[in-house]
Amino acid sequence: MNAANDPTAPAVSVIMPVLNEERHLRDSVRHILEQDYPGELEVVIALGPSADRTDEIAAELVAEDPRVHTVPNPTGRTPAALNAAIKASRHPIVVRVDGHGMLSPDYIATAVRLLAETGAANVGGIMHAEGENAWEDAVAAAMTSKVGVGNAAFHTGGVAAPADTVYLGVFRREVLEQQGGYNEEFIRAQDWELNYRIREAGHLIWFSPELRVSYRPRPNVRELAKQYKNYGRWRHVVARYHRGSVNVRYLAPPAAVIAIAAGIVVGAAVTPFGFVVPAGYLAAIGLGSVPAGKGLPFAARVRIPVALATMHMCWGWGFLTSPRSLANKVIASRRPSVTTAAV
């Protein structure tokens, strides 16, 4: 950070929803406080009911730097945390960062510039997964490959352009306040839902590969499976909430789950030819893991097929088993977009 604040640079509030983030919270906050940004900066951490040392670490950060503050989030839910942090923050630019995200040094400066250049209400960039051991390296490779996540620009990169939604986001406060913040019924996919309302109100969402956040993957198969099952579950909620949002990329994992299950049943009960389908899938992810693992140690490369299969199957299963009652609940909570004069 520059020694003196530039009064012409917009002041920035960074909001962080955290729960059980003892492993990465200190580093994440350090990457914020060390930003190469000349304007005033504050960090508001919304603390869920963690079962580890997250609260203790947050208290240390508050004691060490007057720019860091905390607010309680007794529900532990991400959208509630975000709304609490927004309410407690005070600056005109609001940057969302997760407790396991590491901002690149010029992230905030670049985002503020892009907001001014594009007139967008929200800008975001690449979720750059990076591991700290062989398993996390494998997950990171899977999450940044097209065989893992399709053509999602915020995972794999792309050209700067208008977008339906972006990773995390850097917002104009007045737009957040106009739209009433996040819909707290969306336990997952709350970014998509908020950006949907922002776009409905006539504002621009902008993706730029100039913006980059290093992301720490889940530390084991169980946590990755839970993460992707929830992704699939809530993606189906989104599909029911807004039917025009469904595309082939989202339908591929549930279709794969059905095809593989059918192939196993047919192979076991009717003809061995049924096993061609699951065998073909295994061969495909094996081949797809080769370019994804380029440059990684052998221990990481051999884990990539496991990461890919976990992501695909759990996402697909979550999509298929997502209860209609959950979608009905969030549909009932639908907030109309609020249109005002252009920002």
Protein backbone atom coordinates (compact mmCIF):
# COMPACT_ATOMS: atom_id res chain seq x y z
CA MET A 1 0.00 0.00 0.00
CA ASN A 2 1.18 3.54 -0.73
CA ALA A 3 2.37 5.51 2.27
CA ALA A 4 -0.25 8.25 1.81
CA ASN A 5 -3.80 7.99 0.54
CA ASP A 6 -4.70 9.75 -2.69
CA PRO A 7 -7.92 11.73 -2.00
CA THR A 8 -8.88 11.51 -5.68
CA ALA A 9 -8.94 7.71 -5.63
CA PRO A 10 -12.31 6.21 -4.58
CA ALA A 11 -12.27 4.70 -1.10
CA VAL A 12 -12.78 0.94 -1.08
CA SER A 13 -14.47 -1.48 1.33
CA VAL A 14 -13.43 -5.13 1.11
CA ILE A 15 -16.04 -7.53 2.49
CA MET A 16 -15.18 -11.10 3.52
CA PRO A 17 -17.59 -13.87 4.57
CA VAL A 18 -15.57 -16.39 6.59
CA LEU A 19 -16.25 -19.72 8.24
CA ASN A 20 -13.53 -22.16 9.35
CA GLU A 21 -10.82 -20.29 7.46
CA GLU A 22 -7.93 -20.54 9.93
CA ARG A 23 -5.65 -21.98 7.25
CA HIS A 24 -5.89 -19.08 4.80
CA LEU A 25 -7.50 -16.05 6.50
CA ARG A 26 -4.29 -14.28 7.53
CA ASP A 27 -2.74 -14.62 4.06
CA SER A 28 -5.95 -13.52 2.40
CA VAL A 29 -6.16 -10.35 4.50
CA ARG A 30 -2.46 -9.68 3.93
CA HIS A 31 -3.02 -9.75 0.17
CA ILE A 32 -5.72 -7.10 0.66
CA LEU A 33 -3.79 -4.79 2.97
CA GLU A 34 -0.72 -4.91 0.72
CA GLN A 35 -2.65 -3.85 -2.39
CA ASP A 36 -0.95 -1.36 -4.67
CA TYR A 37 -3.84 1.06 -4.38
CA PRO A 38 -3.56 4.75 -3.46
CA GLY A 39 -7.05 5.19 -2.02
CA GLU A 40 -8.44 4.62 1.45
CA LEU A 41 -9.11 0.98 2.27
CA GLU A 42 -11.05 -0.97 4.90
CA VAL A 43 -11.64 -4.69 5.42
CA VAL A 44 -14.87 -5.96 7.00
CA ILE A 45 -14.81 -9.64 8.00
CA ALA A 46 -18.17 -11.28 8.68
CA LEU A 47 -17.53 -14.10 11.15
CA GLY A 48 -19.63 -17.24 11.03
CA PRO A 49 -19.70 -19.79 13.88
CA SER A 50 -16.33 -21.37 13.12
CA ALA A 51 -15.09 -24.51 14.86
CA ASP A 52 -11.41 -23.64 14.39
CA ARG A 53 -9.17 -20.63 15.19
CA THR A 54 -10.78 -18.30 12.65
CA ASP A 55 -12.23 -15.92 15.27
CA GLU A 56 -8.92 -15.76 17.15
CA ILE A 57 -7.00 -14.96 13.98
CA ALA A 58 -9.55 -12.32 13.01
CA ALA A 59 -9.19 -10.67 16.44
CA GLU A 60 -5.42 -10.59 15.97
CA LEU A 61 -5.84 -8.93 12.56
CA VAL A 62 -8.14 -6.27 14.05
CA ALA A 63 -5.59 -5.54 16.79
CA GLU A 64 -2.75 -5.31 14.28
CA ASP A 65 -4.34 -2.96 11.73
CA PRO A 66 -7.04 -0.31 12.28
CA ARG A 67 -8.34 -0.86 8.76
CA VAL A 68 -9.65 -4.31 9.70
CA HIS A 69 -13.06 -4.75 11.36
CA THR A 70 -15.34 -7.68 12.13
CA VAL A 71 -19.10 -8.20 12.30
CA PRO A 72 -20.98 -11.29 13.50
CA ASN A 73 -22.78 -13.67 11.16
CA PRO A 74 -24.51 -16.12 13.51
CA THR A 75 -26.22 -18.00 10.66
CA GLY A 76 -22.90 -18.96 9.05
CA ARG A 77 -24.52 -18.50 5.64
CA THR A 78 -22.60 -16.68 2.94
CA PRO A 79 -25.28 -14.25 1.69
CA ALA A 80 -26.15 -13.21 5.25
CA ALA A 81 -22.44 -12.62 5.91
CA LEU A 82 -22.13 -10.51 2.78
CA ASN A 83 -25.15 -8.37 3.66
CA ALA A 84 -23.88 -7.86 7.22
CA ALA A 85 -20.47 -6.80 5.93
CA ILE A 86 -21.98 -4.45 3.34
CA LYS A 87 -24.11 -2.81 6.04
CA ALA A 88 -21.06 -2.36 8.30
CA SER A 89 -18.85 -0.98 5.53
CA ARG A 90 -18.85 2.63 4.40
CA HIS A 91 -17.02 3.23 1.11
CA PRO A 92 -18.41 3.74 -2.44
CA ILE A 93 -16.58 0.75 -3.98
CA VAL A 94 -17.29 -2.70 -2.49
CA VAL A 95 -14.92 -5.59 -3.20
CA ARG A 96 -15.98 -9.13 -2.34
CA VAL A 97 -13.19 -11.52 -1.30
CA ASP A 98 -13.51 -14.98 0.23
CA GLY A 99 -11.39 -16.15 3.16
CA HIS A 100 -9.40 -18.49 0.92
CA GLY A 101 -8.92 -16.02 -1.95
CA MET A 102 -5.66 -14.19 -2.60
CA LEU A 103 -5.89 -10.94 -4.58
CA SER A 104 -3.20 -10.13 -7.11
CA PRO A 105 -1.24 -6.97 -6.07
CA ASP A 106 -3.03 -4.62 -8.49
CA TYR A 107 -6.48 -6.21 -8.26
CA ILE A 108 -8.28 -3.31 -6.59
CA ALA A 109 -6.57 -0.62 -8.67
CA THR A 110 -7.40 -2.49 -11.87
CA ALA A 111 -11.01 -3.09 -10.83
CA VAL A 112 -11.57 0.58 -9.96
CA ARG A 113 -10.11 1.56 -13.34
CA LEU A 114 -12.36 -0.92 -15.16
CA LEU A 115 -15.44 0.37 -13.36
CA ALA A 116 -14.62 3.87 -14.59
CA GLU A 117 -13.71 2.79 -18.13
CA THR A 118 -16.70 0.51 -18.75
CA GLY A 119 -19.38 2.16 -16.64
CA ALA A 120 -20.16 -1.29 -15.27
CA ALA A 121 -21.95 -1.87 -11.99
CA ASN A 122 -19.82 -4.91 -11.21
CA VAL A 123 -16.53 -6.21 -12.59
CA GLY A 124 -14.78 -9.52 -11.98
CA GLY A 125 -12.12 -11.78 -13.40
CA ILE A 126 -10.43 -15.13 -13.16
CA MET A 127 -10.73 -17.59 -10.31
CA HIS A 128 -7.19 -18.94 -10.55
CA ALA A 129 -7.03 -22.16 -8.55
CA GLU A 130 -3.62 -22.87 -7.01
CA GLY A 131 -2.74 -25.80 -4.77
CA GLU A 132 -0.30 -26.21 -1.90
CA ASN A 133 0.13 -30.00 -2.18
CA ALA A 134 -0.30 -32.78 -4.75
CA TRP A 135 -4.05 -33.19 -4.23
CA GLU A 136 -4.77 -29.47 -4.36
CA ASP A 137 -2.57 -29.12 -7.45
CA ALA A 138 -4.67 -31.83 -9.10
CA VAL A 139 -7.92 -30.09 -8.19
CA ALA A 140 -6.53 -26.76 -9.40
CA ALA A 141 -5.61 -28.34 -12.74
CA ALA A 142 -9.09 -29.85 -13.06
CA MET A 143 -10.77 -26.55 -12.15
CA THR A 144 -8.83 -24.57 -14.75
CA SER A 145 -9.25 -27.04 -17.63
CA LYS A 146 -12.07 -27.23 -20.17
CA VAL A 147 -12.48 -30.95 -19.53
CA GLY A 148 -13.20 -30.04 -15.92
CA VAL A 149 -15.41 -26.95 -16.17
CA GLY A 150 -16.20 -26.47 -19.84
CA ASN A 151 -15.82 -22.99 -21.30
CA ALA A 152 -16.46 -20.98 -18.12
CA ALA A 153 -14.38 -17.84 -18.70
CA PHE A 154 -13.79 -17.11 -15.01
CA HIS A 155 -12.15 -20.54 -14.68
CA THR A 156 -10.30 -20.90 -17.96
CA GLY A 157 -9.82 -17.29 -19.11
CA GLY A 158 -11.20 -15.34 -22.04
CA VAL A 159 -11.48 -11.89 -23.55
CA ALA A 160 -12.85 -8.89 -21.71
CA ALA A 161 -16.58 -8.66 -22.38
CA PRO A 162 -20.03 -8.21 -20.83
CA ALA A 163 -21.00 -11.24 -18.73
CA ASP A 164 -24.04 -12.74 -17.02
CA THR A 165 -22.11 -13.10 -13.77
CA VAL A 166 -18.52 -12.90 -12.54
CA TYR A 167 -16.39 -14.44 -9.82
CA LEU A 168 -16.66 -12.54 -6.51
CA GLY A 169 -17.13 -9.03 -7.89
CA VAL A 170 -16.19 -5.37 -7.39
CA PHE A 171 -19.37 -3.30 -7.11
CA ARG A 172 -20.58 0.24 -7.01
CA ARG A 173 -22.18 0.57 -3.59
CA GLU A 174 -25.18 2.50 -4.88
CA VAL A 175 -26.12 -0.42 -7.12
CA LEU A 176 -25.84 -2.91 -4.26
CA GLU A 177 -28.05 -0.69 -2.12
CA GLN A 178 -30.55 -0.15 -4.93
CA GLN A 179 -30.97 -3.91 -5.31
CA GLY A 180 -31.16 -4.56 -1.56
CA GLY A 181 -28.00 -6.63 -1.42
CA TYR A 182 -27.90 -10.41 -1.70
CA ASN A 183 -30.98 -12.64 -1.52
CA GLU A 184 -30.31 -14.65 1.64
CA GLU A 185 -32.43 -17.59 0.45
CA PHE A 186 -29.68 -18.38 -2.08
CA ILE A 187 -27.27 -20.30 0.14
CA ARG A 188 -25.24 -20.92 -3.02
CA ALA A 189 -25.38 -19.09 -6.39
CA GLN A 190 -26.13 -15.82 -4.60
CA ASP A 191 -23.68 -14.04 -6.95
CA TRP A 192 -25.60 -15.21 -9.99
CA GLU A 193 -28.94 -14.13 -8.53
CA LEU A 194 -27.71 -10.67 -7.56
CA ASN A 195 -26.05 -10.13 -10.93
CA TYR A 196 -29.26 -11.25 -12.63
CA ARG A 197 -31.18 -8.47 -10.85
CA ILE A 198 -28.44 -5.95 -11.62
CA ARG A 199 -28.62 -6.82 -15.33
CA GLU A 200 -32.42 -6.75 -15.29
CA ALA A 201 -32.17 -3.19 -13.95
CA GLY A 202 -30.17 -2.23 -17.03
CA HIS A 203 -26.67 -2.24 -15.58
CA LEU A 204 -23.57 -3.84 -17.04
CA ILE A 205 -21.62 -6.79 -15.56
CA TRP A 206 -18.07 -6.93 -16.95
CA PHE A 207 -15.58 -9.78 -17.08
CA SER A 208 -11.88 -9.00 -17.53
CA PRO A 209 -8.90 -11.39 -17.48
CA GLU A 210 -6.89 -8.51 -16.01
CA LEU A 211 -8.52 -9.33 -12.68
CA ARG A 212 -7.12 -12.41 -11.01
CA VAL A 213 -7.77 -14.03 -7.64
CA SER A 214 -5.75 -17.02 -6.50
CA TYR A 215 -8.09 -19.61 -5.04
CA ARG A 216 -7.15 -22.44 -2.66
CA PRO A 217 -8.99 -25.68 -3.56
CA ARG A 218 -10.70 -27.97 -1.09
CA PRO A 219 -8.16 -30.07 0.83
CA ASN A 220 -9.57 -33.57 0.26
CA VAL A 221 -11.98 -35.64 -1.84
CA ARG A 222 -14.78 -35.42 0.70
CA GLU A 223 -14.74 -31.62 0.82
CA LEU A 224 -14.49 -31.36 -2.98
CA ALA A 225 -17.43 -33.75 -3.35
CA LYS A 226 -19.54 -31.69 -0.93
CA GLN A 227 -18.61 -28.47 -2.73
CA TYR A 228 -19.57 -29.76 -6.17
CA LYS A 229 -22.73 -31.48 -4.99
CA ASN A 230 -23.85 -28.10 -3.63
CA TYR A 231 -22.86 -26.40 -6.89
CA GLY A 232 -25.06 -28.82 -8.85
CA ARG A 233 -27.91 -28.62 -6.36
CA TRP A 234 -28.04 -24.84 -6.54
CA ARG A 235 -27.46 -24.70 -10.29
CA HIS A 236 -30.74 -26.61 -10.67
CA VAL A 237 -32.39 -24.07 -8.37
CA VAL A 238 -31.12 -21.34 -10.69
CA ALA A 239 -32.40 -23.25 -13.74
CA ARG A 240 -35.88 -23.42 -12.19
CA TYR A 241 -35.67 -19.79 -11.06
CA HIS A 242 -34.69 -18.60 -14.53
CA ARG A 243 -35.30 -21.23 -17.19
CA GLY A 244 -33.46 -19.27 -19.85
CA SER A 245 -30.18 -19.82 -17.99
CA VAL A 246 -29.87 -23.53 -18.83
CA ASN A 247 -27.26 -24.52 -21.41
CA VAL A 248 -25.45 -27.65 -22.60
CA ARG A 249 -22.52 -27.12 -20.21
CA TYR A 250 -24.81 -27.33 -17.20
CA LEU A 251 -26.65 -30.39 -18.49
CA ALA A 252 -23.50 -32.40 -19.30
CA PRO A 253 -22.71 -33.61 -15.72
CA PRO A 254 -26.25 -34.87 -14.91
CA ALA A 255 -26.43 -36.50 -18.35
CA ALA A 256 -23.11 -38.23 -17.64
CA VAL A 257 -24.34 -39.49 -14.26
CA ILE A 258 -27.48 -40.96 -15.86
CA ALA A 259 -25.56 -42.51 -18.77
CA ILE A 260 -22.92 -44.08 -16.52
CA ALA A 261 -25.50 -45.45 -14.09
CA ALA A 262 -27.54 -46.86 -16.96
CA GLY A 263 -24.42 -48.38 -18.51
CA ILE A 264 -23.49 -50.12 -15.26
CA VAL A 265 -27.02 -51.51 -14.82
CA VAL A 266 -27.20 -52.72 -18.43
CA GLY A 267 -23.70 -54.15 -18.22
CA ALA A 268 -24.48 -56.06 -15.04
CA ALA A 269 -27.99 -57.23 -15.94
CA VAL A 270 -28.19 -57.46 -19.72
CA THR A 271 -24.98 -57.34 -21.71
CA PRO A 272 -21.33 -56.51 -20.99
CA PHE A 273 -21.54 -53.94 -23.79
CA GLY A 274 -23.27 -51.68 -21.28
CA PHE A 275 -19.92 -51.17 -19.58
CA VAL A 276 -18.72 -49.33 -22.69
CA VAL A 277 -20.27 -46.12 -21.36
CA PRO A 278 -18.52 -45.94 -17.96
CA ALA A 279 -15.33 -47.28 -19.55
CA GLY A 280 -15.52 -44.57 -22.20
CA TYR A 281 -15.98 -41.91 -19.53
CA LEU A 282 -12.97 -43.14 -17.58
CA ALA A 283 -10.89 -43.16 -20.75
CA ALA A 284 -12.03 -39.62 -21.59
CA ILE A 285 -11.08 -38.14 -18.23
CA GLY A 286 -7.81 -40.08 -18.30
CA LEU A 287 -6.92 -38.56 -21.67
CA GLY A 288 -8.22 -35.14 -20.64
CA SER A 289 -6.06 -35.14 -17.54
CA VAL A 290 -2.87 -35.36 -19.63
CA PRO A 291 -2.90 -31.77 -20.97
CA ALA A 292 -4.46 -30.52 -17.71
CA GLY A 293 -1.52 -31.91 -15.73
CA LYS A 294 1.22 -30.60 -17.96
CA GLY A 295 4.18 -29.42 -15.88
CA LEU A 296 2.90 -30.87 -12.61
CA PRO A 297 4.69 -33.50 -10.51
CA PHE A 298 3.65 -37.12 -11.05
CA ALA A 299 1.88 -37.25 -7.67
CA ALA A 300 -0.46 -34.47 -8.79
CA ARG A 301 -0.97 -35.75 -12.34
CA VAL A 302 -2.22 -39.18 -11.21
CA ARG A 303 -4.81 -37.50 -8.97
CA ILE A 304 -6.36 -35.36 -11.69
CA PRO A 305 -8.75 -38.09 -12.97
CA VAL A 306 -10.02 -38.55 -9.40
CA ALA A 307 -10.61 -34.80 -9.08
CA LEU A 308 -12.37 -34.67 -12.46
CA ALA A 309 -14.63 -37.62 -11.69
CA THR A 310 -15.47 -36.18 -8.25
CA MET A 311 -16.37 -32.82 -9.75
CA HIS A 312 -18.46 -34.22 -12.62
CA MET A 313 -20.31 -36.93 -10.71
CA CYS A 314 -21.05 -34.89 -7.60
CA TRP A 315 -22.15 -31.84 -9.59
CA GLY A 316 -24.41 -34.04 -11.71
CA TRP A 317 -25.81 -35.88 -8.69
CA GLY A 318 -26.48 -32.60 -6.90
CA PHE A 319 -28.31 -31.29 -9.97
CA LEU A 320 -30.44 -34.43 -10.31
CA THR A 321 -31.39 -34.62 -6.63
CA SER A 322 -32.02 -30.92 -6.07
CA PRO A 323 -35.54 -30.79 -4.55
CA ARG A 324 -38.20 -28.74 -6.28
CA SER A 325 -39.26 -27.49 -2.85
CA LEU A 326 -35.93 -25.67 -2.53
CA ALA A 327 -36.48 -23.93 -5.85
CA ASN A 328 -40.05 -23.05 -4.88
CA LYS A 329 -38.76 -21.48 -1.67
CA VAL A 330 -36.29 -19.21 -3.44
CA ILE A 331 -38.76 -18.41 -6.22
CA ALA A 332 -41.18 -17.26 -3.52
CA SER A 333 -38.44 -14.95 -2.22
CA ARG A 334 -37.83 -13.46 -5.67
CA ARG A 335 -36.89 -9.81 -5.52
CA PRO A 336 -37.75 -7.62 -8.47
CA SER A 337 -34.85 -5.66 -9.86
CA VAL A 338 -34.87 -1.97 -8.96
CA THR A 339 -34.40 0.36 -11.90
CA THR A 340 -33.23 3.90 -11.25
CA ALA A 341 -31.39 6.55 -13.16
CA ALA A 342 -28.16 5.28 -14.71
CA VAL A 343 -25.20 5.19 -12.34
